[in-house]
Amino acid sequence: MTNNLKPARVVAPGRILSRELDARGWTQKDLAKIIKRPPQTINEIIQGTKQITPETAIELSQALGTSPTFWTNLEANYRLFLANKQKDDSDIERRSRLYTVAPVAELIKRQWIKPTEFLDELEKNICDFLGINSPLESPKLAVNFRHNDQLDPEKSSLISWMKRVEYLAKKRKIEKFKLEQLKTAIPNILAYSEKEEQIINLPKLFKDLGIHFIMVPHLNKTYLDGAMFYLEKNPVIALTLRYNRIDYFWFTLMHEIGHIFAGHQGLYLDNMDQLEDNEQESEANQLARDWLIHPDALEGFIQQKKGKFSSQDISDFANIHKRHPGIILGRLHYDKLVPYQNLRKYLVRVNSYLTEYVDR
């Protein structure tokens, strides 16, 4: 705690006040009670949205052991500093706003927007990409935005990824979607899970079913594996191939199909490592598990092998049930029945079969 505060440079009064509270171990509410002001007033001073009046300066000086002129001078100098910089900072503030609403560097790197040295043009490019008229607006998505936040994803990157998926889906002509037709087609979809090269048949199958099938690599700090949402009346399934493995591919795909199958509405952005704990996610998870490996067959296999699974055991079981061995191994890894580092030869990569369909 200091009794004679002398700022060495122009600094926001709220920052000084915040430091003083930290030094004393006080909260904003503590100070509000001491000077008999609403907690909101203290918060607004600290955030810089409320100026320190002479009356408040006197109260702060009494509470913190400083002079009233310290706070009035601090406030005056800071406001003068802001006034002098307002014109110079206008472009900086605009750029800051643009970099807040979108991961600008990554959008340029992926050629989703054109690079430019002109601020007006950059702002227009970003607004056009996000479908907004001004950086002050919130981008509007095809449906309500909901995402997994257990890994603290960057929301602007999530929105940008979704807008790219939405843009690609809108460019495609597709058949009318019928839920009953999808339900009937589940065995046909799963028939392609026996061999990795059969994955190449999926895009056409989904197109015929009236489902947009989009693959866009995830943006940094989104932690995304896949998404499902509706564009008009057609479902959109989008995958990132964040983990380029056959087990992740098929579980993510069937999980998103599970959302459609179960009639879940709204937008689902899913991270398979830490899915949100709610009924709809649990239902989609269970559908994916049961479709890929029948629970009774899996239980019988586990009981028969008594916790010891050889490479041949997994291969034979996979052949009987017409699934790729990597799908079986991925489930055994997930259930911690096989050490994660074992038999990874079965976890083959899938991106080479989908190259022409992955957004570049």
Protein backbone atom coordinates (compact mmCIF):
# COMPACT_ATOMS: atom_id res chain seq x y z
CA MET A 1 0.00 0.00 0.00
CA THR A 2 1.24 3.50 -0.77
CA ASN A 3 0.42 6.76 0.96
CA ASN A 4 1.98 9.12 -1.60
CA LEU A 5 1.12 7.97 -5.10
CA LYS A 6 3.02 9.66 -7.96
CA PRO A 7 2.32 8.22 -11.40
CA ALA A 8 5.43 8.24 -13.59
CA ARG A 9 3.41 8.41 -16.80
CA VAL A 10 -0.12 8.94 -18.05
CA VAL A 11 -2.13 5.96 -16.89
CA ALA A 12 -5.81 5.21 -16.53
CA PRO A 13 -7.11 6.14 -13.06
CA GLY A 14 -8.96 2.85 -12.98
CA ARG A 15 -5.70 0.93 -13.29
CA ILE A 16 -4.19 2.82 -10.34
CA LEU A 17 -7.34 2.24 -8.31
CA SER A 18 -7.33 -1.46 -9.17
CA ARG A 19 -3.71 -1.78 -8.06
CA GLU A 20 -4.48 -0.08 -4.78
CA LEU A 21 -7.35 -2.44 -4.08
CA ASP A 22 -5.12 -5.44 -4.85
CA ALA A 23 -2.41 -4.10 -2.55
CA ARG A 24 -4.90 -3.89 0.31
CA GLY A 25 -6.63 -7.14 -0.48
CA TRP A 26 -9.90 -5.30 -1.04
CA THR A 27 -12.58 -6.11 -3.56
CA GLN A 28 -14.52 -3.52 -5.49
CA LYS A 29 -17.49 -4.25 -3.25
CA ASP A 30 -15.32 -3.56 -0.18
CA LEU A 31 -14.42 -0.10 -1.45
CA ALA A 32 -18.02 0.57 -2.43
CA LYS A 33 -19.14 -0.15 1.14
CA ILE A 34 -16.36 2.00 2.59
CA ILE A 35 -17.24 5.11 0.57
CA LYS A 36 -20.94 4.27 0.43
CA ARG A 37 -21.20 4.15 -3.34
CA PRO A 38 -22.86 1.50 -5.54
CA PRO A 39 -20.45 -1.29 -6.57
CA GLN A 40 -21.27 -0.44 -10.18
CA THR A 41 -19.72 3.01 -9.72
CA ILE A 42 -16.40 1.52 -8.60
CA ASN A 43 -16.45 -0.97 -11.45
CA GLU A 44 -17.15 1.75 -14.02
CA ILE A 45 -14.25 3.85 -12.71
CA ILE A 46 -11.92 0.86 -12.95
CA GLN A 47 -13.18 0.04 -16.44
CA GLY A 48 -12.69 3.67 -17.49
CA THR A 49 -16.31 4.28 -18.43
CA LYS A 50 -16.94 6.69 -15.53
CA GLN A 51 -14.82 9.72 -14.65
CA ILE A 52 -13.67 10.57 -11.15
CA THR A 53 -15.55 13.66 -9.99
CA PRO A 54 -14.19 16.04 -7.30
CA GLU A 55 -16.59 14.49 -4.79
CA THR A 56 -15.39 10.98 -5.61
CA ALA A 57 -11.76 12.16 -5.44
CA ILE A 58 -12.33 13.34 -1.88
CA GLU A 59 -13.91 10.02 -0.90
CA LEU A 60 -11.08 8.01 -2.49
CA SER A 61 -8.47 10.15 -0.75
CA GLN A 62 -10.11 9.49 2.61
CA ALA A 63 -10.39 5.76 1.97
CA LEU A 64 -6.90 5.28 0.51
CA GLY A 65 -4.85 7.85 2.39
CA THR A 66 -4.04 10.02 -0.63
CA SER A 67 -4.75 13.62 -1.57
CA PRO A 68 -7.90 14.53 -3.51
CA THR A 69 -5.77 16.40 -6.05
CA PHE A 70 -3.91 13.21 -6.87
CA TRP A 71 -7.12 11.67 -8.24
CA THR A 72 -8.42 14.84 -9.93
CA ASN A 73 -5.03 15.43 -11.60
CA LEU A 74 -4.82 11.80 -12.62
CA GLU A 75 -8.29 11.98 -14.16
CA ALA A 76 -7.63 15.29 -15.90
CA ASN A 77 -4.29 14.19 -17.34
CA TYR A 78 -5.76 10.94 -18.56
CA ARG A 79 -8.74 12.60 -20.26
CA LEU A 80 -6.43 15.15 -21.90
CA PHE A 81 -4.21 12.31 -23.09
CA LEU A 82 -7.21 10.52 -24.60
CA ALA A 83 -8.41 13.70 -26.29
CA ASN A 84 -4.98 14.28 -27.88
CA LYS A 85 -4.80 10.71 -29.11
CA GLN A 86 -8.39 10.32 -30.24
CA LYS A 87 -7.72 11.20 -33.85
CA ASP A 88 -4.48 9.20 -34.05
CA ASP A 89 -6.06 6.21 -32.35
CA SER A 90 -9.15 6.02 -34.53
CA ASP A 91 -7.48 3.73 -37.07
CA ILE A 92 -5.88 1.67 -34.31
CA GLU A 93 -9.23 1.20 -32.65
CA ARG A 94 -10.81 0.14 -35.94
CA ARG A 95 -8.06 -2.43 -36.54
CA SER A 96 -8.37 -3.67 -32.98
CA ARG A 97 -12.10 -4.13 -33.48
CA LEU A 98 -11.51 -6.09 -36.70
CA TYR A 99 -8.97 -8.38 -35.04
CA THR A 100 -11.45 -8.91 -32.21
CA VAL A 101 -14.37 -10.00 -34.40
CA ALA A 102 -12.28 -12.32 -36.60
CA PRO A 103 -8.87 -14.07 -36.69
CA VAL A 104 -7.72 -11.76 -39.50
CA ALA A 105 -4.27 -13.24 -40.07
CA GLU A 106 -5.60 -16.77 -40.39
CA LEU A 107 -8.44 -15.72 -42.71
CA ILE A 108 -5.87 -14.09 -44.99
CA LYS A 109 -3.54 -17.08 -44.76
CA ARG A 110 -6.34 -19.39 -45.86
CA GLN A 111 -7.35 -16.95 -48.57
CA TRP A 112 -10.86 -16.65 -47.14
CA ILE A 113 -10.43 -12.89 -47.43
CA LYS A 114 -8.08 -10.86 -49.65
CA PRO A 115 -5.07 -9.16 -48.05
CA THR A 116 -4.92 -5.39 -48.31
CA GLU A 117 -2.99 -2.48 -46.84
CA PHE A 118 -6.07 -0.26 -46.84
CA LEU A 119 -8.12 -0.27 -43.64
CA ASP A 120 -11.44 0.53 -45.34
CA GLU A 121 -10.97 -2.36 -47.74
CA LEU A 122 -9.92 -4.76 -44.97
CA GLU A 123 -12.99 -3.80 -42.96
CA LYS A 124 -15.23 -4.39 -45.98
CA ASN A 125 -13.60 -7.77 -46.70
CA ILE A 126 -14.14 -8.95 -43.12
CA CYS A 127 -17.69 -7.65 -42.95
CA ASP A 128 -18.55 -9.33 -46.25
CA PHE A 129 -17.07 -12.60 -45.02
CA LEU A 130 -19.03 -12.48 -41.76
CA GLY A 131 -22.21 -11.24 -43.43
CA ILE A 132 -22.44 -8.03 -41.40
CA ASN A 133 -22.66 -4.35 -42.29
CA SER A 134 -20.34 -3.14 -39.54
CA PRO A 135 -17.74 -4.64 -37.17
CA LEU A 136 -20.03 -3.46 -34.37
CA GLU A 137 -22.67 -6.00 -35.44
CA SER A 138 -22.75 -9.63 -34.33
CA PRO A 139 -22.51 -12.14 -37.19
CA LYS A 140 -25.75 -13.94 -37.90
CA LEU A 141 -25.51 -17.69 -38.37
CA ALA A 142 -27.96 -20.06 -39.98
CA VAL A 143 -29.16 -21.05 -36.51
CA ASN A 144 -28.56 -20.15 -32.89
CA PHE A 145 -24.88 -20.35 -31.97
CA ARG A 146 -23.89 -22.87 -29.33
CA HIS A 147 -20.50 -24.39 -28.76
CA ASN A 148 -18.46 -26.48 -26.39
CA ASP A 149 -16.52 -24.20 -24.04
CA GLN A 150 -14.71 -26.66 -21.79
CA LEU A 151 -11.44 -25.96 -23.60
CA ASP A 152 -12.17 -22.22 -23.77
CA PRO A 153 -12.39 -21.97 -27.58
CA GLU A 154 -11.88 -18.64 -29.29
CA LYS A 155 -15.40 -17.56 -30.17
CA SER A 156 -14.42 -15.32 -33.09
CA SER A 157 -12.57 -18.26 -34.66
CA LEU A 158 -15.56 -20.55 -34.12
CA ILE A 159 -17.83 -18.05 -35.84
CA SER A 160 -15.38 -17.58 -38.71
CA TRP A 161 -15.10 -21.33 -39.22
CA MET A 162 -18.88 -21.64 -39.22
CA LYS A 163 -19.25 -18.81 -41.74
CA ARG A 164 -16.82 -20.57 -44.07
CA VAL A 165 -18.82 -23.81 -43.77
CA GLU A 166 -22.04 -21.89 -44.35
CA TYR A 167 -20.56 -20.16 -47.41
CA LEU A 168 -19.47 -23.47 -48.97
CA ALA A 169 -22.82 -25.11 -48.24
CA LYS A 170 -24.76 -22.26 -49.85
CA LYS A 171 -22.81 -22.75 -53.08
CA ARG A 172 -23.95 -26.35 -53.47
CA LYS A 173 -27.10 -27.69 -55.02
CA ILE A 174 -28.54 -30.55 -53.05
CA GLU A 175 -31.54 -32.87 -52.95
CA LYS A 176 -34.51 -32.35 -50.65
CA PHE A 177 -33.86 -33.80 -47.22
CA LYS A 178 -36.17 -36.39 -45.71
CA LEU A 179 -35.47 -37.70 -42.22
CA GLU A 180 -37.01 -41.12 -42.88
CA GLN A 181 -34.78 -41.54 -45.90
CA LEU A 182 -31.73 -40.90 -43.70
CA LYS A 183 -32.89 -43.41 -41.11
CA THR A 184 -33.27 -46.04 -43.81
CA ALA A 185 -29.81 -45.21 -45.18
CA ILE A 186 -27.88 -45.70 -41.91
CA PRO A 187 -26.84 -49.29 -42.86
CA ASN A 188 -25.67 -48.02 -46.26
CA ILE A 189 -23.54 -45.37 -44.60
CA LEU A 190 -22.03 -47.87 -42.18
CA ALA A 191 -21.28 -50.27 -45.04
CA TYR A 192 -18.47 -47.89 -46.02
CA SER A 193 -16.80 -48.26 -42.61
CA GLU A 194 -15.23 -51.65 -43.39
CA LYS A 195 -12.33 -50.37 -45.49
CA GLU A 196 -10.74 -46.94 -45.34
CA GLU A 197 -10.84 -46.44 -49.13
CA GLN A 198 -14.64 -46.77 -49.09
CA ILE A 199 -14.87 -43.36 -47.39
CA ILE A 200 -14.62 -41.80 -50.84
CA ASN A 201 -18.22 -42.92 -51.51
CA LEU A 202 -19.70 -40.84 -48.67
CA PRO A 203 -19.92 -37.37 -50.28
CA LYS A 204 -22.20 -38.54 -53.10
CA LEU A 205 -24.34 -40.60 -50.71
CA PHE A 206 -24.91 -37.57 -48.48
CA LYS A 207 -25.67 -35.36 -51.46
CA ASP A 208 -28.35 -37.81 -52.59
CA LEU A 209 -29.78 -37.81 -49.06
CA GLY A 210 -30.06 -34.01 -49.03
CA ILE A 211 -27.27 -33.53 -46.47
CA HIS A 212 -24.48 -31.01 -47.01
CA PHE A 213 -21.18 -32.79 -46.28
CA ILE A 214 -18.44 -30.19 -45.75
CA MET A 215 -14.85 -30.59 -44.62
CA VAL A 216 -13.04 -27.46 -43.40
CA PRO A 217 -9.87 -27.77 -41.30
CA HIS A 218 -10.31 -26.26 -37.85
CA LEU A 219 -9.07 -22.80 -37.04
CA ASN A 220 -6.55 -22.27 -34.27
CA LYS A 221 -8.04 -22.46 -30.76
CA THR A 222 -11.41 -23.83 -31.87
CA TYR A 223 -10.70 -27.43 -30.77
CA LEU A 224 -13.36 -28.63 -33.21
CA ASP A 225 -13.90 -32.11 -34.61
CA GLY A 226 -17.26 -31.55 -36.25
CA ALA A 227 -20.50 -29.64 -36.44
CA MET A 228 -24.14 -30.13 -37.35
CA PHE A 229 -26.60 -27.38 -38.17
CA TYR A 230 -29.42 -26.67 -40.60
CA LEU A 231 -29.20 -24.46 -43.64
CA GLU A 232 -32.81 -23.75 -44.51
CA LYS A 233 -34.26 -27.28 -44.26
CA ASN A 234 -31.14 -29.24 -45.17
CA PRO A 235 -28.78 -30.55 -42.49
CA VAL A 236 -25.12 -29.62 -42.73
CA ILE A 237 -22.47 -31.99 -41.41
CA ALA A 238 -19.05 -30.37 -41.23
CA LEU A 239 -15.87 -32.19 -40.21
CA THR A 240 -12.42 -30.76 -39.48
CA LEU A 241 -10.29 -33.94 -39.57
CA ARG A 242 -8.49 -32.43 -36.57
CA TYR A 243 -7.43 -35.97 -35.69
CA ASN A 244 -6.70 -37.59 -39.03
CA ARG A 245 -7.59 -41.13 -37.93
CA ILE A 246 -10.24 -43.55 -39.06
CA ASP A 247 -11.70 -44.06 -35.58
CA TYR A 248 -12.12 -40.30 -34.98
CA PHE A 249 -13.51 -39.78 -38.46
CA TRP A 250 -16.22 -42.39 -38.10
CA PHE A 251 -17.21 -41.57 -34.54
CA THR A 252 -17.41 -37.83 -35.32
CA LEU A 253 -19.43 -38.50 -38.46
CA MET A 254 -21.89 -40.85 -36.77
CA HIS A 255 -22.18 -38.50 -33.79
CA GLU A 256 -23.27 -35.65 -36.07
CA ILE A 257 -25.65 -38.00 -37.90
CA GLY A 258 -26.98 -38.93 -34.47
CA HIS A 259 -28.02 -35.31 -33.88
CA ILE A 260 -30.01 -35.34 -37.14
CA PHE A 261 -31.46 -38.81 -36.52
CA ALA A 262 -32.66 -37.81 -33.04
CA GLY A 263 -34.28 -34.61 -34.33
CA HIS A 264 -32.00 -32.28 -32.41
CA GLN A 265 -32.43 -28.67 -33.52
CA GLY A 266 -29.91 -25.88 -33.30
CA LEU A 267 -26.19 -25.74 -33.92
CA TYR A 268 -23.79 -28.32 -32.49
CA LEU A 269 -20.05 -27.69 -32.59
CA ASP A 270 -18.42 -30.74 -31.09
CA ASN A 271 -15.09 -31.56 -29.55
CA MET A 272 -14.88 -35.32 -29.15
CA ASP A 273 -12.36 -35.07 -26.31
CA GLN A 274 -14.73 -33.16 -24.01
CA LEU A 275 -18.29 -33.15 -25.26
CA GLU A 276 -20.74 -31.12 -23.24
CA ASP A 277 -22.56 -33.08 -20.62
CA ASN A 278 -26.18 -32.76 -21.69
CA GLU A 279 -28.91 -35.11 -22.84
CA GLN A 280 -28.64 -34.35 -26.55
CA GLU A 281 -24.86 -34.84 -26.64
CA SER A 282 -25.21 -38.05 -24.64
CA GLU A 283 -27.89 -39.31 -27.02
CA ALA A 284 -25.76 -38.55 -30.09
CA ASN A 285 -22.79 -40.25 -28.44
CA GLN A 286 -24.76 -43.38 -27.66
CA LEU A 287 -26.22 -43.61 -31.14
CA ALA A 288 -22.74 -43.34 -32.66
CA ARG A 289 -21.33 -46.02 -30.37
CA ASP A 290 -24.18 -48.46 -30.98
CA TRP A 291 -24.21 -47.95 -34.74
CA LEU A 292 -20.48 -48.51 -35.08
CA ILE A 293 -20.29 -51.54 -32.77
CA HIS A 294 -23.39 -53.36 -31.56
CA PRO A 295 -23.25 -53.22 -27.74
CA ASP A 296 -24.12 -56.90 -27.26
CA ALA A 297 -21.46 -57.98 -29.73
CA LEU A 298 -18.87 -55.76 -28.05
CA GLU A 299 -19.77 -57.02 -24.60
CA GLY A 300 -19.51 -60.62 -25.77
CA PHE A 301 -16.13 -59.91 -27.34
CA ILE A 302 -14.83 -58.32 -24.14
CA GLN A 303 -16.07 -61.21 -22.01
CA GLN A 304 -14.60 -63.77 -24.36
CA LYS A 305 -11.13 -62.23 -24.44
CA LYS A 306 -11.10 -61.40 -20.72
CA GLY A 307 -9.26 -58.14 -21.22
CA LYS A 308 -6.55 -59.51 -23.51
CA PHE A 309 -6.84 -58.41 -27.12
CA SER A 310 -4.33 -59.44 -29.75
CA SER A 311 -3.97 -57.87 -33.17
CA GLN A 312 -5.57 -60.96 -34.71
CA ASP A 313 -8.49 -60.83 -32.24
CA ILE A 314 -9.32 -57.27 -33.24
CA SER A 315 -8.92 -58.01 -36.94
CA ASP A 316 -11.18 -61.09 -36.76
CA PHE A 317 -13.87 -59.25 -34.78
CA ALA A 318 -13.75 -56.36 -37.24
CA ASN A 319 -14.11 -58.72 -40.21
CA ILE A 320 -17.10 -60.48 -38.69
CA HIS A 321 -18.92 -57.20 -38.04
CA LYS A 322 -17.72 -55.50 -41.25
CA ARG A 323 -15.93 -52.63 -39.55
CA HIS A 324 -12.42 -51.36 -40.01
CA PRO A 325 -10.11 -52.69 -37.23
CA GLY A 326 -9.21 -49.09 -36.35
CA ILE A 327 -12.82 -48.42 -35.34
CA ILE A 328 -12.75 -51.41 -32.98
CA LEU A 329 -9.35 -50.44 -31.59
CA GLY A 330 -10.44 -46.82 -31.10
CA ARG A 331 -13.35 -47.97 -28.96
CA LEU A 332 -11.12 -50.29 -26.91
CA HIS A 333 -8.68 -47.41 -26.43
CA TYR A 334 -11.51 -45.11 -25.36
CA ASP A 335 -12.81 -47.68 -22.88
CA LYS A 336 -9.22 -48.19 -21.61
CA LEU A 337 -9.33 -51.90 -22.41
CA VAL A 338 -6.23 -51.63 -24.60
CA PRO A 339 -3.31 -49.31 -23.74
CA TYR A 340 -3.42 -46.21 -25.89
CA GLN A 341 0.02 -46.84 -27.36
CA ASN A 342 -0.78 -50.39 -28.50
CA LEU A 343 -1.73 -51.61 -32.00
CA ARG A 344 -1.81 -48.11 -33.49
CA LYS A 345 -1.08 -49.52 -36.94
CA TYR A 346 -4.84 -49.87 -37.28
CA LEU A 347 -5.46 -46.14 -36.78
CA VAL A 348 -4.93 -45.30 -40.44
CA ARG A 349 -5.17 -41.81 -41.89
CA VAL A 350 -8.20 -40.91 -43.98
CA ASN A 351 -7.48 -37.50 -45.47
CA SER A 352 -5.94 -38.90 -48.67
CA TYR A 353 -9.34 -40.34 -49.64
CA LEU A 354 -11.08 -37.00 -49.18
CA THR A 355 -8.52 -34.59 -50.63
CA GLU A 356 -10.80 -33.25 -53.37
CA TYR A 357 -13.56 -32.57 -50.84
CA VAL A 358 -11.48 -30.77 -48.18
CA ASP A 359 -11.65 -26.98 -48.33
CA ARG A 360 -8.28 -25.58 -49.42
